[in-house]
Structure formats: structure tokens, C-alpha cells
Protein backbone atom coordinates (compact mmCIF):
# COMPACT_ATOMS: atom_id res chain seq x y z
CA UNK A 1 97.21 175.07 84.00
CA UNK A 2 99.22 173.35 81.21
CA UNK A 3 102.57 171.73 80.67
CA UNK A 4 104.59 172.37 77.74
CA UNK A 5 106.57 169.45 76.72
CA UNK A 6 108.18 170.88 73.77
CA UNK A 7 107.34 172.00 69.98
CA UNK A 8 104.02 173.89 71.31
CA UNK A 9 102.60 170.71 72.55
CA UNK A 10 100.56 171.19 75.95
CA UNK A 11 99.16 168.74 78.55
CA UNK A 12 96.72 169.77 80.83
CA UNK A 13 98.50 169.54 84.42
CA UNK A 14 95.30 167.41 85.98
CA UNK A 15 95.62 164.89 83.27
CA UNK A 16 99.60 163.96 84.08
CA UNK A 17 99.96 160.72 85.75
CA UNK A 18 103.92 160.84 85.63
CA UNK A 19 106.66 162.46 84.60
CA UNK A 20 109.52 159.84 83.67
CA UNK A 21 113.66 160.05 83.04
CA UNK A 22 113.44 157.80 79.35
CA UNK A 23 117.10 156.60 80.07
CA UNK A 24 116.85 155.62 83.33
CA UNK A 25 112.92 154.24 82.89
CA UNK A 26 113.28 152.83 79.69
CA UNK A 27 115.82 150.25 80.96
CA UNK A 28 112.83 147.85 82.82
CA UNK A 29 111.69 145.15 80.36
CA UNK A 30 108.11 146.39 81.67
CA UNK A 31 108.59 149.84 80.64
CA UNK A 32 110.00 148.89 77.11
CA UNK A 33 107.29 146.60 76.28
CA UNK A 34 104.78 149.18 77.51
CA UNK A 35 106.24 151.91 75.36
CA UNK A 36 106.35 149.61 72.18
CA UNK A 37 103.19 148.80 72.81
CA UNK A 38 101.64 152.43 72.96
CA UNK A 39 103.82 153.39 69.73
CA UNK A 40 101.97 150.46 68.13
CA UNK A 41 98.54 151.74 69.13
CA UNK A 42 99.38 155.13 67.90
CA UNK A 43 99.37 156.78 71.18
CA UNK A 44 102.82 158.07 71.61
CA UNK A 45 103.33 161.53 70.62
CA UNK A 46 106.57 162.85 69.88
CA UNK A 47 106.66 166.76 70.77
CA UNK A 48 109.44 168.22 69.25
CA UNK A 49 112.40 166.83 66.58
CA UNK A 50 115.03 166.72 69.10
CA UNK A 51 116.34 163.51 70.49
CA UNK A 52 113.79 162.94 73.55
CA UNK A 53 115.00 162.77 77.06
CA UNK A 54 112.01 162.41 79.08
CA UNK A 55 107.94 160.91 78.61
CA UNK A 56 105.22 161.93 80.17
CA UNK A 57 102.21 159.82 80.65
CA UNK A 58 98.67 160.99 80.63
CA UNK A 59 95.25 159.82 82.38
CA UNK A 60 93.94 158.77 78.51
CA UNK A 61 97.05 156.35 78.11
CA UNK A 62 98.98 158.36 75.87
CA UNK A 63 102.65 159.30 75.99
CA UNK A 64 104.75 162.36 75.15
CA UNK A 65 108.08 162.34 74.10
CA UNK A 66 109.85 165.07 75.33
CA UNK A 67 113.08 167.17 74.92
CA UNK A 68 113.25 168.32 78.12
CA UNK A 69 114.72 166.49 81.09
CA UNK A 70 112.23 165.23 83.47
CA UNK A 71 114.12 167.01 86.33
CA UNK A 72 112.98 170.08 83.93
CA UNK A 73 109.41 169.16 83.36
CA UNK A 74 108.96 168.34 86.90
CA UNK A 75 109.99 171.50 88.25
CA UNK A 76 108.01 173.22 85.94
CA UNK A 77 105.19 171.42 87.79
CA UNK A 78 105.90 172.35 91.11
CA UNK A 79 106.70 175.65 90.36
CA UNK A 80 102.93 175.66 88.94
CA UNK A 81 101.90 174.45 92.11
CA UNK A 82 100.04 171.29 90.76
CA UNK A 83 101.68 168.82 93.36
CA UNK A 84 102.40 169.82 96.90
């Protein structure tokens, strides 16, 4: 199964490490520095043109910025029964 994070960007369900709310998780200094580092390395993929609300971390270390709220993405994953 695949998760559509926006703008026809699909991520395989088994590749997802976590789904995070951009506003609340980017407050911490560790997350901020990780996001900056990944951006410098070219590992950040912007899925869509709207203001991102969440990001998805994958096993290969890429970060996908999504226009969808983290709750919406999490619900899609749960409905697809990837997680218990």
C-alpha cells in the first residue's frame, strides 16, 4: 500500500518511520537541526505547493513535507491497516 502525501507523491507504507506535525515537532532544537541538515543534504521532498503542515520520515532518511495534517495522514495509514 502507498500513502499519498500530496501532489501525487506516494510513499510505500512499509517505508514510513513516522508522521509528525510540523508546528509542534519543529519547536524542539533536535528536530530543527535534523530538518536543516536533511535540507542541506537534499533529502527533503516538498509534496505540493501549499504551506506544509506535517512531515513524513522514511527508512532511507528522506523527509516528505506534506500539505495534509499529521492526523489526516495517520488516519489514512490506520484505515489501510498498516498499523495496529
